[in-house]
Amino acid sequence: MVYEPDWQEIGHMSVDAGLCWVGDPCYVLGDDASSRVTDWIDFCNKLHKEENHSQPLGEGVGVAVSTGYGDGSYPVSIMIDPHSERVMAIRVDFIKEEEDDWNE
């Protein structure tokens, strides 16, 4: 029998830019950052759309993804490894589908 961990909702993410950034802040914030952005305009100028996602600061630095309906508040969930009790995955639900739709 394979154990399938459950998703646990841990909070909500507010969005005012119609996009979500996933990445390590040490690469983009501060004077020592390797892919530093100076401000919001600098970040936006580096965005390049590719099928609803972008790697504006270079490969491996992080990704920006379009949020389903744009601005709003979106639930954030994590999955915990039952053996190590470490975070295995993170999920942000931009468009909530009916439970039955997921099972089809």
Protein backbone atom coordinates (compact mmCIF):
# COMPACT_ATOMS: atom_id res chain seq x y z
CA MET A 1 0.00 0.00 0.00
CA VAL A 2 1.39 3.40 -1.03
CA TYR A 3 0.81 6.27 1.37
CA GLU A 4 -0.44 9.42 -0.35
CA PRO A 5 0.11 12.49 1.84
CA ASP A 6 -2.68 15.04 2.02
CA TRP A 7 -2.50 18.68 1.04
CA GLN A 8 -2.72 21.03 4.03
CA GLU A 9 -3.90 24.59 3.46
CA ILE A 10 -1.49 26.96 5.22
CA GLY A 11 -2.81 30.38 4.19
CA HIS A 12 -3.63 32.66 1.29
CA MET A 13 -1.51 34.65 -1.15
CA SER A 14 -2.77 38.09 -2.17
CA VAL A 15 -2.06 39.12 -5.77
CA ASP A 16 -2.19 42.63 -7.26
CA ALA A 17 -0.02 42.03 -10.34
CA GLY A 18 -1.76 39.07 -11.97
CA LEU A 19 1.32 36.91 -11.42
CA CYS A 20 3.01 34.78 -8.79
CA TRP A 21 6.78 34.55 -8.26
CA VAL A 22 8.37 31.32 -7.02
CA GLY A 23 12.04 31.61 -6.18
CA ASP A 24 14.67 32.15 -3.52
CA PRO A 25 14.73 35.82 -2.43
CA CYS A 26 18.51 35.74 -1.88
CA TYR A 27 18.95 35.72 -5.67
CA VAL A 28 16.97 38.91 -6.25
CA LEU A 29 17.08 41.02 -3.06
CA GLY A 30 20.01 42.85 -1.57
CA ASP A 31 23.35 44.07 -2.83
CA ASP A 32 24.88 40.57 -2.95
CA ALA A 33 22.09 39.07 -5.10
CA SER A 34 23.36 37.39 -8.28
CA SER A 35 20.30 38.36 -10.36
CA ARG A 36 19.36 41.58 -8.63
CA VAL A 37 16.39 43.67 -9.64
CA THR A 38 16.40 47.32 -8.67
CA ASP A 39 12.64 47.87 -8.55
CA TRP A 40 9.24 46.71 -9.83
CA ILE A 41 9.71 48.34 -13.25
CA ASP A 42 13.06 46.57 -13.67
CA PHE A 43 11.41 43.23 -12.83
CA CYS A 44 8.51 43.86 -15.24
CA ASN A 45 10.90 44.84 -18.03
CA LYS A 46 12.61 41.45 -17.67
CA LEU A 47 9.37 39.47 -17.94
CA HIS A 48 8.93 37.53 -21.16
CA LYS A 49 5.73 35.52 -21.62
CA GLU A 50 6.04 31.87 -22.58
CA GLU A 51 2.74 29.99 -22.28
CA ASN A 52 1.67 31.80 -19.05
CA HIS A 53 5.09 31.58 -17.40
CA SER A 54 8.40 33.41 -17.46
CA GLN A 55 11.92 33.16 -16.10
CA PRO A 56 12.65 36.89 -16.08
CA LEU A 57 15.90 36.72 -14.14
CA GLY A 58 17.40 33.69 -15.90
CA GLU A 59 17.27 29.91 -15.81
CA GLY A 60 17.06 28.49 -12.29
CA VAL A 61 16.60 31.82 -10.50
CA GLY A 62 12.82 31.47 -10.24
CA VAL A 63 9.64 31.52 -12.26
CA ALA A 64 6.75 33.92 -12.63
CA VAL A 65 3.38 32.40 -13.55
CA SER A 66 0.11 33.96 -14.57
CA THR A 67 -2.60 33.71 -11.91
CA GLY A 68 -5.84 32.24 -13.22
CA TYR A 69 -8.14 35.25 -12.85
CA GLY A 70 -5.45 37.84 -12.16
CA ASP A 71 -5.69 39.83 -8.95
CA GLY A 72 -7.21 38.25 -5.87
CA SER A 73 -6.51 36.02 -2.89
CA TYR A 74 -5.47 32.43 -3.58
CA PRO A 75 -5.21 29.47 -1.16
CA VAL A 76 -1.72 28.03 -0.60
CA SER A 77 -1.27 24.38 0.45
CA ILE A 78 1.72 22.19 1.25
CA MET A 79 2.31 18.46 1.27
CA ILE A 80 4.46 17.08 4.12
CA ASP A 81 6.63 13.97 3.77
CA PRO A 82 5.37 11.63 6.51
CA HIS A 83 8.84 10.18 7.12
CA SER A 84 11.01 13.30 7.27
CA GLU A 85 8.21 15.76 8.13
CA ARG A 86 9.69 18.14 5.54
CA VAL A 87 7.74 20.06 2.90
CA MET A 88 7.52 17.94 -0.28
CA ALA A 89 5.48 20.30 -2.45
CA ILE A 90 3.62 23.58 -2.50
CA ARG A 91 0.41 24.29 -4.39
CA VAL A 92 -1.41 27.53 -5.13
CA ASP A 93 -4.96 27.12 -6.42
CA PHE A 94 -5.58 29.94 -8.89
CA ILE A 95 -8.76 28.43 -10.33
CA LYS A 96 -10.76 26.20 -8.02
CA GLU A 97 -12.47 23.36 -9.86
CA GLU A 98 -15.31 21.34 -8.46
CA GLU A 99 -14.14 18.22 -6.59
CA ASP A 100 -15.84 15.95 -9.13
CA ASP A 101 -13.87 17.57 -11.99
CA TRP A 102 -10.56 16.53 -10.40
CA ASN A 103 -11.63 12.88 -10.25
CA GLU A 104 -12.67 12.56 -13.89
